[in-house]
Amino acid sequence: MSYVDIPLAGSSGHTHAVTALPYNTLSPVEKELIINASESGVEMALLEEGKLAELHYQKNDNSFSVGDIFIGKIRKMMPGLNAAFIDIGHRKDAFLHYTDLGPKLKTLMKWSNGVANGSINTHKLDNFKLEEDILKNGKVDHVLNKRFPLLVQILKEPISTKGPRLSCELTLPSRSIVLTPFNDVVSVSKKIANPEERKRLQTLAESIRPKGFGIIMRTASEGKKVQELHEEVVQIMGRWQEIYQQIKTVNAPACLLSELDKTSSVLRDLLTDSFSKIVVNDKDLYADIKSYLQSISPEQVKILQHYTGSKPVLDQFGITKQIKSSFGKTATMSSGAYLVIEKTEAMHVIDVNSGHKITSSDVEQTIFSVNLEAAQEISRQLRLRDIGGLIVIDFIDMKNVEHKKQLAKAMEDFMRKDRAQHTVLPLSKFGLMQITRERTRPEINLNTAEDCPACGGTGTINSTILLTDDIERDLQFILQSRPKSDIQLFVHPYVDAYLKKGWIFSSIRMKWFWTYKKWIKITPDAECHINQYRFYDGSGDEIRMNG
């Protein structure tokens, strides 16, 4: 990797080295999954190259997850919205729009009603006659009948005051394939690029596809043998048979088939050869995951670990600190540049800020480097927080047209890791980028503020776990810009004690000395707020950090 100086307007004459991002954003990355089980639920942290990329949380009482299949009752039609509200047992009626009914709605209703009244006595669709497709632009009250129950699948989990969103286009996924009842379409994931492999999988899919079902070959099917994929088909057909048996006996509203628990579904959708570690702190969950891995990927059982340490598992792997630094209004990057993330009623707005005002001989190139780093961090933030809807990004202004094209291309590449449907538009003439991103679960919005220990717990402050990182980032910048100057640091007495605590050779101040070959004089100052710090040079003049 090459290093460049970051230049920005209004600088104080200092330079700061920052690593320019590589353009190959699609190479495999090492992944780790850290799982923290507690009485309230299970928290899963996905790390990519050591950085927190996704957070998943499953409450123990969550019974309405994406993929669950229900038999529901039509509560009321809404012709104005061209939608219906369905009772599936949630406190809020679920929403079903006409566009989510699917073309095979009449076939679905014919089959489910036939199973319920006993006229259909098998789960197989070999001899089942399909009905004609419904109109693409029809009316909901022309195709649904409140007298009959309806087979539906959760498309989006309940969010805020809204109930679940439903679909009548059923999908039955496993790790490598997805079966779709009542059609004969065969497709292969676009992420499988090799034309010969695509052709092989297309032919293979036709040979194992049950009659009356479509089949989608997922990315994980690449390289799989026919026997492995056939076993998955048999497994899925067993789940379809469960749905068939339940329809014969239950009354709407009722859950017919619950998705895998969150842990298993995350593993099913994310597990690849690039996983190096799966760590879980609960003995029973460890046994469940081990059993599940043995069924879907026996060769990866060896990467599963049962954590028994005394520290909380999320603290042990540095995840708590990453959560504190990643959530909140601002997110700081390694170069000192930072993002400001604001949520409005209609959209999310992200502003890219340069951090320290610095100069260099090549202003355009280094602004481009900062924007590239910001694009990578933004793609991570969207996944991590599961931000949906319209996102508007205000990058640092660039004059170079080629840089603008390269930034848009880089953002598209960074976003390819994101499993949510999304669209990335190029930079507008005002330097703004628009992204639309689908969300299927509530946005993760954690409050990282803490009670202030210096004010009797009556106020809050930004997370103190990040304070030493901020101090060291500024210290590094000062030492690069004025390497011969003596440095004095003034901090709150609490922070002074923390920086000096431990054996003389293991304190944070001593680690700074070994790293930077410079002794930093630290002085307690009761006038400093607990999250405030000031640097002074050898002449007693304050070194102001522009941000």
Protein backbone atom coordinates (compact mmCIF):
# COMPACT_ATOMS: atom_id res chain seq x y z
CA MET A 1 0.00 0.00 0.00
CA SER A 2 1.19 3.48 -0.77
CA TYR A 3 1.13 6.35 1.69
CA VAL A 4 0.09 9.89 0.84
CA ASP A 5 -0.24 13.15 2.73
CA ILE A 6 -3.82 14.32 3.26
CA PRO A 7 -4.29 17.91 2.13
CA LEU A 8 -7.29 20.04 2.98
CA ALA A 9 -8.21 23.68 2.64
CA GLY A 10 -7.74 26.00 5.58
CA SER A 11 -4.89 23.94 6.99
CA SER A 12 -2.29 24.97 9.48
CA GLY A 13 0.65 23.80 7.41
CA HIS A 14 1.00 20.32 8.95
CA THR A 15 0.97 17.03 7.06
CA HIS A 16 -0.45 13.70 8.11
CA ALA A 17 0.20 10.33 6.47
CA VAL A 18 -2.79 8.19 5.60
CA THR A 19 -2.96 4.83 3.87
CA ALA A 20 -4.62 5.00 0.45
CA LEU A 21 -7.26 2.28 0.13
CA PRO A 22 -6.67 -0.59 -2.28
CA TYR A 23 -9.01 -0.82 -5.26
CA ASN A 24 -9.46 -4.59 -4.99
CA THR A 25 -12.41 -4.52 -2.59
CA LEU A 26 -13.81 -7.94 -3.52
CA SER A 27 -11.05 -10.25 -2.31
CA PRO A 28 -12.09 -12.77 0.39
CA VAL A 29 -11.90 -11.41 3.93
CA GLU A 30 -11.33 -13.34 7.12
CA LYS A 31 -14.51 -13.58 9.17
CA GLU A 32 -15.22 -14.37 12.81
CA LEU A 33 -18.56 -14.77 14.58
CA ILE A 34 -18.69 -14.02 18.31
CA ILE A 35 -21.90 -15.10 20.07
CA ASN A 36 -22.99 -13.83 23.45
CA ALA A 37 -25.95 -15.68 24.99
CA SER A 38 -27.75 -14.19 28.00
CA GLU A 39 -31.09 -14.59 29.75
CA SER A 40 -32.73 -11.96 27.53
CA GLY A 41 -31.47 -13.24 24.19
CA VAL A 42 -28.56 -13.95 21.88
CA GLU A 43 -26.23 -11.27 20.51
CA MET A 44 -24.07 -12.09 17.47
CA ALA A 45 -21.17 -9.96 16.23
CA LEU A 46 -19.73 -10.59 12.77
CA LEU A 47 -16.13 -9.43 12.39
CA GLU A 48 -14.44 -8.96 9.01
CA GLU A 49 -10.65 -8.62 9.24
CA GLY A 50 -11.15 -7.85 12.93
CA LYS A 51 -13.63 -5.00 12.32
CA LEU A 52 -17.24 -5.18 13.45
CA ALA A 53 -19.37 -5.54 10.30
CA GLU A 54 -22.79 -6.76 11.50
CA LEU A 55 -24.69 -7.05 14.77
CA HIS A 56 -27.62 -9.44 15.14
CA TYR A 57 -29.80 -9.72 18.21
CA GLN A 58 -32.54 -12.23 18.92
CA LYS A 59 -34.79 -11.77 21.92
CA ASN A 60 -35.94 -14.98 23.53
CA ASP A 61 -39.58 -13.99 23.00
CA ASN A 62 -39.29 -13.08 19.29
CA SER A 63 -41.81 -15.23 17.41
CA PHE A 64 -42.21 -13.15 14.23
CA SER A 65 -39.00 -13.46 12.22
CA VAL A 66 -38.36 -12.99 8.51
CA GLY A 67 -39.11 -16.27 6.72
CA ASP A 68 -41.72 -17.60 9.19
CA ILE A 69 -44.79 -19.04 7.46
CA PHE A 70 -48.29 -18.47 8.91
CA ILE A 71 -51.88 -19.26 8.12
CA GLY A 72 -53.63 -15.93 8.65
CA LYS A 73 -57.08 -14.39 8.62
CA ILE A 74 -57.89 -11.43 6.39
CA ARG A 75 -58.93 -8.70 8.81
CA LYS A 76 -59.82 -5.91 6.38
CA MET A 77 -59.30 -4.79 2.81
CA MET A 78 -57.84 -1.38 2.00
CA PRO A 79 -58.69 -0.67 -1.68
CA GLY A 80 -57.17 2.81 -1.43
CA LEU A 81 -53.79 1.27 -0.54
CA ASN A 82 -54.43 -1.79 -2.73
CA ALA A 83 -53.53 -3.86 0.31
CA ALA A 84 -55.03 -5.98 3.08
CA PHE A 85 -54.40 -6.28 6.80
CA ILE A 86 -53.89 -9.87 7.99
CA ASP A 87 -54.19 -11.30 11.50
CA ILE A 88 -51.27 -13.69 12.13
CA GLY A 89 -51.33 -13.42 15.93
CA HIS A 90 -49.16 -10.32 16.31
CA ARG A 91 -50.54 -7.42 18.40
CA LYS A 92 -50.56 -5.36 15.18
CA ASP A 93 -52.20 -6.71 12.04
CA ALA A 94 -49.67 -7.56 9.33
CA PHE A 95 -49.59 -5.64 6.04
CA LEU A 96 -49.96 -7.39 2.66
CA HIS A 97 -49.70 -5.28 -0.50
CA TYR A 98 -51.01 -6.43 -3.88
CA THR A 99 -47.48 -6.45 -5.33
CA ASP A 100 -46.47 -9.02 -2.68
CA LEU A 101 -49.30 -11.44 -3.50
CA GLY A 102 -47.30 -12.98 -6.32
CA PRO A 103 -48.63 -14.19 -9.68
CA LYS A 104 -49.44 -17.68 -8.30
CA LEU A 105 -51.88 -16.45 -5.63
CA LYS A 106 -54.87 -18.41 -7.03
CA THR A 107 -52.78 -21.58 -7.10
CA LEU A 108 -51.59 -21.03 -3.51
CA MET A 109 -55.16 -20.49 -2.27
CA LYS A 110 -56.48 -23.50 -4.20
CA TRP A 111 -53.80 -25.75 -2.67
CA SER A 112 -54.09 -24.50 0.94
CA ASN A 113 -57.92 -24.63 0.89
CA GLY A 114 -57.79 -28.11 -0.67
CA VAL A 115 -55.44 -29.34 2.06
CA ALA A 116 -57.63 -27.82 4.78
CA ASN A 117 -60.86 -29.42 3.51
CA GLY A 118 -59.25 -32.79 2.81
CA SER A 119 -59.57 -32.84 -0.98
CA ILE A 120 -55.75 -32.81 -1.33
CA ASN A 121 -54.07 -35.73 0.42
CA THR A 122 -50.38 -35.30 -0.39
CA HIS A 123 -47.75 -32.60 0.08
CA LYS A 124 -46.25 -33.35 -3.31
CA LEU A 125 -47.21 -31.18 -6.28
CA ASP A 126 -46.51 -33.76 -9.01
CA ASN A 127 -50.13 -33.93 -10.22
CA PHE A 128 -51.40 -30.62 -8.86
CA LYS A 129 -52.88 -28.40 -11.58
CA LEU A 130 -51.81 -24.76 -11.46
CA GLU A 131 -54.28 -21.91 -11.81
CA GLU A 132 -53.79 -18.92 -14.13
CA ASP A 133 -51.68 -16.02 -12.85
CA ILE A 134 -53.37 -12.99 -11.33
CA LEU A 135 -53.12 -9.65 -13.13
CA LYS A 136 -49.91 -7.73 -12.51
CA ASN A 137 -51.82 -4.46 -11.92
CA GLY A 138 -55.02 -5.87 -10.40
CA LYS A 139 -57.01 -4.90 -7.30
CA VAL A 140 -56.62 -6.62 -3.95
CA ASP A 141 -60.35 -6.86 -3.28
CA HIS A 142 -60.82 -8.69 -6.60
CA VAL A 143 -58.50 -11.58 -5.68
CA LEU A 144 -58.80 -12.00 -1.89
CA ASN A 145 -61.82 -13.30 -0.01
CA LYS A 146 -62.24 -12.61 3.72
CA ARG A 147 -64.01 -15.94 4.20
CA PHE A 148 -60.89 -18.01 3.54
CA PRO A 149 -57.62 -18.20 5.51
CA LEU A 150 -54.45 -17.22 3.67
CA LEU A 151 -50.97 -18.78 3.57
CA VAL A 152 -48.37 -16.03 4.08
CA GLN A 153 -44.66 -15.56 4.84
CA ILE A 154 -43.04 -12.73 6.81
CA LEU A 155 -41.14 -10.42 4.49
CA LYS A 156 -40.19 -7.78 7.10
CA GLU A 157 -40.20 -8.05 10.87
CA PRO A 158 -42.38 -5.71 12.98
CA ILE A 159 -40.69 -2.29 13.06
CA SER A 160 -41.66 0.39 15.60
CA THR A 161 -45.47 0.75 15.56
CA LYS A 162 -45.90 -1.24 12.34
CA GLY A 163 -46.84 -4.90 12.19
CA PRO A 164 -44.98 -7.43 10.01
CA ARG A 165 -45.01 -7.10 6.22
CA LEU A 166 -46.12 -10.23 4.39
CA SER A 167 -45.74 -12.00 1.07
CA CYS A 168 -47.66 -14.84 -0.56
CA GLU A 169 -44.65 -15.83 -2.69
CA LEU A 170 -43.31 -18.58 -0.45
CA THR A 171 -39.61 -19.46 -0.34
CA LEU A 172 -38.06 -22.42 1.48
CA PRO A 173 -34.31 -21.83 1.92
CA SER A 174 -31.44 -24.06 2.91
CA ARG A 175 -27.74 -23.28 2.83
CA SER A 176 -27.15 -23.89 -0.88
CA ILE A 177 -30.60 -23.80 -2.49
CA VAL A 178 -34.04 -22.24 -2.23
CA LEU A 179 -37.24 -24.02 -3.29
CA THR A 180 -40.20 -21.96 -4.51
CA PRO A 181 -43.55 -23.80 -4.59
CA PHE A 182 -45.92 -23.59 -7.56
CA ASN A 183 -43.48 -22.66 -10.30
CA ASP A 184 -40.81 -24.26 -12.47
CA VAL A 185 -38.22 -21.49 -12.69
CA VAL A 186 -34.55 -22.49 -12.29
CA SER A 187 -31.99 -19.76 -11.58
CA VAL A 188 -28.38 -19.45 -10.41
CA SER A 189 -26.98 -16.74 -8.13
CA LYS A 190 -25.43 -13.86 -10.08
CA LYS A 191 -22.49 -13.95 -7.66
CA ILE A 192 -21.36 -17.20 -9.29
CA ALA A 193 -19.41 -15.73 -12.20
CA ASN A 194 -17.82 -18.79 -13.84
CA PRO A 195 -19.97 -19.60 -16.93
CA GLU A 196 -19.09 -23.31 -16.85
CA GLU A 197 -20.07 -23.59 -13.19
CA ARG A 198 -23.32 -21.74 -13.85
CA LYS A 199 -24.15 -24.14 -16.67
CA ARG A 200 -23.31 -27.15 -14.49
CA LEU A 201 -25.52 -25.91 -11.66
CA GLN A 202 -28.37 -25.11 -14.07
CA THR A 203 -28.30 -28.68 -15.41
CA LEU A 204 -27.91 -30.14 -11.91
CA ALA A 205 -30.84 -28.09 -10.59
CA GLU A 206 -33.12 -29.41 -13.33
CA SER A 207 -32.22 -32.96 -12.35
CA ILE A 208 -33.01 -32.59 -8.61
CA ARG A 209 -35.92 -30.14 -8.80
CA PRO A 210 -39.18 -31.62 -7.42
CA LYS A 211 -42.09 -31.31 -9.84
CA GLY A 212 -44.17 -28.22 -9.10
CA PHE A 213 -41.27 -26.37 -7.46
CA GLY A 214 -38.82 -23.79 -8.74
CA ILE A 215 -35.23 -23.81 -7.51
CA ILE A 216 -32.63 -21.09 -6.87
CA MET A 217 -28.99 -22.10 -6.61
CA ARG A 218 -27.43 -19.86 -3.95
CA THR A 219 -23.79 -18.73 -3.90
CA ALA A 220 -22.96 -21.54 -1.44
CA SER A 221 -23.94 -24.13 -4.08
CA GLU A 222 -20.79 -23.37 -6.08
CA GLY A 223 -18.67 -26.51 -6.34
CA LYS A 224 -21.20 -28.71 -4.52
CA LYS A 225 -21.83 -32.27 -5.71
CA VAL A 226 -25.25 -33.51 -6.76
CA GLN A 227 -25.58 -35.76 -3.70
CA GLU A 228 -25.09 -32.87 -1.26
CA LEU A 229 -27.63 -30.69 -3.05
CA HIS A 230 -30.13 -33.53 -3.35
CA GLU A 231 -29.91 -34.09 0.41
CA GLU A 232 -30.83 -30.41 0.92
CA VAL A 233 -33.83 -30.81 -1.40
CA VAL A 234 -35.01 -33.81 0.65
CA GLN A 235 -34.57 -31.77 3.84
CA ILE A 236 -36.59 -28.84 2.46
CA MET A 237 -39.34 -31.15 1.21
CA GLY A 238 -39.58 -32.48 4.77
CA ARG A 239 -40.32 -28.91 5.95
CA TRP A 240 -42.92 -28.50 3.20
CA GLN A 241 -44.57 -31.70 4.42
CA GLU A 242 -44.70 -30.19 7.94
CA ILE A 243 -46.60 -27.20 6.52
CA TYR A 244 -49.00 -29.57 4.75
CA GLN A 245 -49.67 -31.53 7.97
CA GLN A 246 -50.21 -28.37 10.01
CA ILE A 247 -52.70 -26.82 7.57
CA LYS A 248 -54.91 -29.91 8.04
CA THR A 249 -55.16 -29.45 11.81
CA VAL A 250 -54.69 -25.81 12.90
CA ASN A 251 -57.05 -22.84 12.88
CA ALA A 252 -55.97 -19.42 11.66
CA PRO A 253 -54.10 -17.47 12.86
CA ALA A 254 -51.25 -19.92 13.49
CA CYS A 255 -47.54 -20.32 12.77
CA LEU A 256 -46.97 -23.28 10.46
CA LEU A 257 -43.21 -23.16 10.12
CA SER A 258 -40.80 -21.04 12.11
CA GLU A 259 -37.52 -19.99 10.56
CA LEU A 260 -34.35 -21.35 12.09
CA ASP A 261 -33.31 -19.58 15.25
CA LYS A 262 -31.35 -16.42 14.52
CA THR A 263 -27.97 -18.02 15.18
CA SER A 264 -28.56 -20.88 12.75
CA SER A 265 -30.05 -18.61 10.08
CA VAL A 266 -27.04 -16.26 10.32
CA LEU A 267 -24.71 -19.24 9.95
CA ARG A 268 -26.73 -20.61 7.05
CA ASP A 269 -26.62 -17.32 5.16
CA LEU A 270 -23.10 -16.15 6.02
CA LEU A 271 -20.94 -19.24 6.56
CA THR A 272 -18.17 -19.52 3.97
CA ASP A 273 -14.68 -20.95 3.79
CA SER A 274 -13.31 -17.56 4.89
CA PHE A 275 -14.68 -18.07 8.43
CA SER A 276 -11.76 -18.70 10.78
CA LYS A 277 -13.52 -18.69 14.14
CA ILE A 278 -16.95 -19.09 15.74
CA VAL A 279 -16.95 -18.41 19.48
CA VAL A 280 -19.94 -18.94 21.80
CA ASN A 281 -20.13 -18.44 25.56
CA ASP A 282 -23.07 -20.78 26.31
CA LYS A 283 -22.64 -24.55 26.67
CA ASP A 284 -26.09 -25.52 25.36
CA LEU A 285 -25.93 -23.12 22.42
CA TYR A 286 -22.42 -24.42 21.67
CA ALA A 287 -23.83 -27.96 21.43
CA ASP A 288 -26.69 -26.80 19.18
CA ILE A 289 -24.35 -24.94 16.84
CA LYS A 290 -21.98 -27.89 16.72
CA SER A 291 -24.84 -30.18 15.71
CA TYR A 292 -25.99 -27.69 13.07
CA LEU A 293 -22.46 -27.30 11.64
CA GLN A 294 -22.11 -31.08 11.44
CA SER A 295 -25.22 -31.18 9.28
CA ILE A 296 -24.35 -28.33 6.90
CA SER A 297 -20.54 -28.10 6.92
CA PRO A 298 -18.79 -30.86 8.93
CA GLU A 299 -15.31 -29.66 7.94
CA GLN A 300 -15.90 -26.37 9.80
CA VAL A 301 -16.81 -27.87 13.19
CA LYS A 302 -13.15 -27.41 14.15
CA ILE A 303 -13.45 -23.60 14.05
CA LEU A 304 -16.17 -23.63 16.73
CA GLN A 305 -14.96 -22.67 20.23
CA HIS A 306 -16.70 -22.67 23.62
CA TYR A 307 -15.60 -19.57 25.53
CA THR A 308 -15.25 -20.06 29.29
CA GLY A 309 -13.15 -17.03 30.29
CA SER A 310 -13.98 -14.76 33.23
CA LYS A 311 -14.33 -11.58 31.13
CA PRO A 312 -17.56 -11.08 29.12
CA VAL A 313 -17.02 -12.60 25.69
CA LEU A 314 -17.74 -9.32 23.86
CA ASP A 315 -15.15 -7.52 25.99
CA GLN A 316 -12.59 -10.28 25.47
CA PHE A 317 -12.70 -9.86 21.68
CA GLY A 318 -12.80 -6.04 21.75
CA ILE A 319 -16.38 -5.88 20.44
CA THR A 320 -17.78 -3.71 23.24
CA LYS A 321 -15.21 -1.03 22.41
CA GLN A 322 -16.03 -1.25 18.70
CA ILE A 323 -19.75 -0.90 19.44
CA LYS A 324 -19.03 2.23 21.48
CA SER A 325 -16.97 3.73 18.65
CA SER A 326 -19.34 2.74 15.84
CA PHE A 327 -22.69 3.95 17.15
CA GLY A 328 -23.73 7.46 17.95
CA LYS A 329 -23.86 10.61 15.89
CA THR A 330 -20.18 10.53 14.83
CA ALA A 331 -17.94 7.71 13.64
CA THR A 332 -14.20 8.37 13.54
CA MET A 333 -11.87 6.70 11.03
CA SER A 334 -8.22 5.75 11.44
CA SER A 335 -6.97 8.81 9.54
CA GLY A 336 -8.72 11.20 11.92
CA ALA A 337 -11.47 11.97 9.39
CA TYR A 338 -14.97 11.27 10.68
CA LEU A 339 -18.58 10.83 9.64
CA VAL A 340 -21.57 12.70 11.05
CA ILE A 341 -24.70 10.53 10.73
CA GLU A 342 -28.06 12.27 11.10
CA LYS A 343 -31.51 10.69 10.91
CA THR A 344 -34.43 12.75 9.63
CA GLU A 345 -38.08 11.84 9.05
CA ALA A 346 -37.49 11.07 5.37
CA MET A 347 -33.87 9.94 5.12
CA HIS A 348 -30.43 9.49 6.69
CA VAL A 349 -27.81 12.14 5.93
CA ILE A 350 -24.08 11.38 6.24
CA ASP A 351 -21.50 14.16 6.16
CA VAL A 352 -17.83 13.35 5.55
CA ASN A 353 -15.48 15.58 7.58
CA SER A 354 -11.72 15.76 7.11
CA GLY A 355 -10.76 15.97 10.77
CA HIS A 356 -7.42 17.78 11.16
CA LYS A 357 -6.92 20.60 8.66
CA ILE A 358 -3.71 19.66 6.86
CA THR A 359 -1.81 20.43 3.69
CA SER A 360 0.08 18.61 0.99
CA SER A 361 1.36 19.18 -2.53
CA ASP A 362 -1.39 17.04 -4.11
CA VAL A 363 -4.70 18.21 -2.69
CA GLU A 364 -7.03 16.35 -5.09
CA GLN A 365 -5.35 12.96 -4.71
CA THR A 366 -5.43 13.02 -0.93
CA ILE A 367 -9.01 14.29 -0.69
CA PHE A 368 -9.85 11.35 -2.94
CA SER A 369 -8.06 9.03 -0.46
CA VAL A 370 -10.11 10.39 2.45
CA ASN A 371 -13.34 9.97 0.47
CA LEU A 372 -12.40 6.38 -0.38
CA GLU A 373 -11.81 5.60 3.28
CA ALA A 374 -15.14 7.25 4.12
CA ALA A 375 -16.96 5.19 1.47
CA GLN A 376 -15.65 1.97 2.99
CA GLU A 377 -16.68 3.07 6.49
CA ILE A 378 -20.13 4.17 5.28
CA SER A 379 -20.77 0.77 3.67
CA ARG A 380 -19.86 -0.82 7.02
CA GLN A 381 -22.08 1.56 8.98
CA LEU A 382 -25.10 0.83 6.78
CA ARG A 383 -24.74 -2.90 7.41
CA LEU A 384 -23.90 -2.52 11.07
CA ARG A 385 -26.82 -0.24 11.93
CA ASP A 386 -29.07 -1.82 9.26
CA ILE A 387 -29.97 1.63 7.98
CA GLY A 388 -32.73 1.50 5.36
CA GLY A 389 -34.57 3.86 3.02
CA LEU A 390 -32.85 6.83 1.38
CA ILE A 391 -29.28 7.69 2.42
CA VAL A 392 -27.68 10.94 1.18
CA ILE A 393 -23.88 11.28 1.51
CA ASP A 394 -22.02 14.60 1.34
CA PHE A 395 -18.43 13.70 0.45
CA ILE A 396 -15.57 16.20 0.53
CA ASP A 397 -15.73 18.19 -2.73
CA MET A 398 -13.59 16.88 -5.59
CA LYS A 399 -12.85 18.65 -8.88
CA ASN A 400 -11.33 15.67 -10.69
CA VAL A 401 -14.05 13.98 -12.81
CA GLU A 402 -12.17 10.67 -12.91
CA HIS A 403 -11.95 10.61 -9.12
CA LYS A 404 -15.72 11.06 -8.91
CA LYS A 405 -16.27 8.06 -11.20
CA GLN A 406 -13.77 5.97 -9.25
CA LEU A 407 -15.43 6.87 -5.93
CA ALA A 408 -18.85 5.78 -7.23
CA LYS A 409 -17.36 2.50 -8.52
CA ALA A 410 -15.57 1.92 -5.19
CA MET A 411 -18.81 2.47 -3.25
CA GLU A 412 -20.58 -0.10 -5.44
CA ASP A 413 -17.77 -2.58 -4.74
CA PHE A 414 -17.83 -1.94 -0.98
CA MET A 415 -21.62 -2.40 -0.94
CA ARG A 416 -21.42 -5.83 -2.60
CA LYS A 417 -20.79 -7.36 0.81
CA ASP A 418 -24.25 -6.10 1.82
CA ARG A 419 -26.94 -8.78 1.50
CA ALA A 420 -29.75 -6.21 1.64
CA GLN A 421 -31.08 -5.00 -1.71
CA HIS A 422 -29.61 -1.60 -2.52
CA THR A 423 -28.97 0.90 -5.30
CA VAL A 424 -25.97 3.26 -5.48
CA LEU A 425 -26.28 6.38 -7.66
CA PRO A 426 -23.23 8.31 -8.94
CA LEU A 427 -22.26 11.66 -7.46
CA SER A 428 -24.57 14.52 -8.42
CA LYS A 429 -23.30 17.88 -9.70
CA PHE A 430 -23.55 19.09 -6.10
CA GLY A 431 -21.18 16.34 -4.91
CA LEU A 432 -23.91 14.29 -3.19
CA MET A 433 -24.34 10.52 -3.48
CA GLN A 434 -27.69 8.79 -2.99
CA ILE A 435 -28.13 5.21 -1.85
CA THR A 436 -31.38 3.34 -1.34
CA ARG A 437 -31.26 0.27 0.90
CA GLU A 438 -33.94 -2.20 1.90
CA ARG A 439 -34.36 -3.01 5.58
CA THR A 440 -36.06 -6.17 6.89
CA ARG A 441 -35.58 -5.68 10.64
CA PRO A 442 -35.60 -2.73 13.04
CA GLU A 443 -32.65 -0.36 12.70
CA ILE A 444 -30.00 -0.87 15.38
CA ASN A 445 -29.68 2.38 17.29
CA LEU A 446 -27.60 2.05 20.45
CA ASN A 447 -27.11 4.82 22.98
CA THR A 448 -23.39 4.90 23.75
CA ALA A 449 -23.53 7.82 26.21
CA GLU A 450 -22.54 7.15 29.82
CA ASP A 451 -23.36 8.70 33.19
CA CYS A 452 -20.83 11.34 34.11
CA PRO A 453 -18.92 10.25 37.25
CA ALA A 454 -17.69 13.80 37.90
CA CYS A 455 -21.18 15.28 38.18
CA GLY A 456 -22.80 12.79 40.52
CA GLY A 457 -24.51 10.84 37.73
CA THR A 458 -26.82 13.75 36.88
CA GLY A 459 -25.46 14.18 33.34
CA THR A 460 -24.16 12.09 30.46
CA ILE A 461 -20.94 12.14 28.45
CA ASN A 462 -19.63 10.45 25.33
CA SER A 463 -18.23 6.98 25.87
CA THR A 464 -15.06 7.15 27.99
CA ILE A 465 -13.79 3.82 26.62
CA LEU A 466 -12.79 5.73 23.46
CA LEU A 467 -11.06 8.65 25.17
CA THR A 468 -7.54 7.17 25.12
CA ASP A 469 -7.95 6.36 21.40
CA ASP A 470 -8.85 10.00 20.70
CA ILE A 471 -5.93 11.28 22.77
CA GLU A 472 -3.46 8.95 21.07
CA ARG A 473 -4.75 9.83 17.59
CA ASP A 474 -4.15 13.54 18.28
CA LEU A 475 -0.83 12.79 19.94
CA GLN A 476 0.36 10.88 16.88
CA PHE A 477 -0.60 13.78 14.63
CA ILE A 478 1.24 16.30 16.84
CA LEU A 479 4.40 14.19 16.97
CA GLN A 480 4.41 13.83 13.19
CA SER A 481 3.90 17.53 12.60
CA ARG A 482 6.38 18.77 15.26
CA PRO A 483 8.68 15.85 16.19
CA LYS A 484 11.21 17.94 18.17
CA SER A 485 8.75 19.78 20.39
CA ASP A 486 8.20 18.90 24.05
CA ILE A 487 4.62 17.84 24.69
CA GLN A 488 2.53 18.30 27.84
CA LEU A 489 -0.96 16.83 28.23
CA PHE A 490 -3.56 18.26 30.61
CA VAL A 491 -6.48 15.95 31.54
CA HIS A 492 -9.12 15.48 34.21
CA PRO A 493 -7.64 13.90 37.41
CA TYR A 494 -9.60 10.68 36.79
CA VAL A 495 -8.05 10.35 33.33
CA ASP A 496 -4.60 11.28 34.67
CA ALA A 497 -4.80 8.38 37.12
CA TYR A 498 -5.95 6.01 34.40
CA LEU A 499 -3.11 6.91 32.00
CA LYS A 500 -0.51 6.41 34.74
CA LYS A 501 -2.01 3.36 36.45
CA GLY A 502 -0.29 -0.02 36.59
CA TRP A 503 3.37 -0.89 36.89
CA ILE A 504 5.66 1.83 35.60
CA PHE A 505 6.53 -0.31 32.55
CA SER A 506 2.91 -1.23 31.74
CA SER A 507 1.10 2.11 32.04
CA ILE A 508 -0.39 3.74 28.95
CA ARG A 509 2.07 6.63 29.25
CA MET A 510 5.02 4.20 29.19
CA LYS A 511 3.56 2.41 26.15
CA TRP A 512 3.45 5.76 24.40
CA PHE A 513 7.11 6.29 25.29
CA TRP A 514 8.15 2.93 23.77
CA THR A 515 6.03 3.56 20.67
CA TYR A 516 6.91 7.18 19.92
CA LYS A 517 10.30 7.45 21.70
CA LYS A 518 9.01 10.59 23.40
CA TRP A 519 8.17 11.20 27.06
CA ILE A 520 4.77 12.87 27.42
CA LYS A 521 4.30 14.90 30.59
CA ILE A 522 0.75 14.36 31.91
CA THR A 523 -0.73 16.91 34.31
CA PRO A 524 -4.05 16.57 36.20
CA ASP A 525 -6.32 19.59 35.75
CA ALA A 526 -9.60 19.79 37.67
CA GLU A 527 -10.77 22.50 35.23
CA CYS A 528 -10.90 19.90 32.43
CA HIS A 529 -14.17 18.09 31.81
CA ILE A 530 -13.72 14.32 32.15
CA ASN A 531 -13.79 13.88 28.35
CA GLN A 532 -11.70 17.01 27.69
CA TYR A 533 -7.94 17.21 27.19
CA ARG A 534 -5.43 19.86 26.06
CA PHE A 535 -1.93 19.67 24.60
CA TYR A 536 0.78 22.30 25.19
CA ASP A 537 4.24 22.69 23.66
CA GLY A 538 7.53 23.38 25.43
CA SER A 539 6.85 27.14 25.43
CA GLY A 540 3.55 26.68 27.24
CA ASP A 541 1.45 27.51 24.17
CA GLU A 542 -1.64 25.39 23.60
CA ILE A 543 -1.56 23.14 20.53
CA ARG A 544 -5.02 23.52 19.07
CA MET A 545 -6.48 20.62 17.10
CA ASN A 546 -8.74 21.83 14.29
CA GLY A 547 -11.60 19.43 13.47
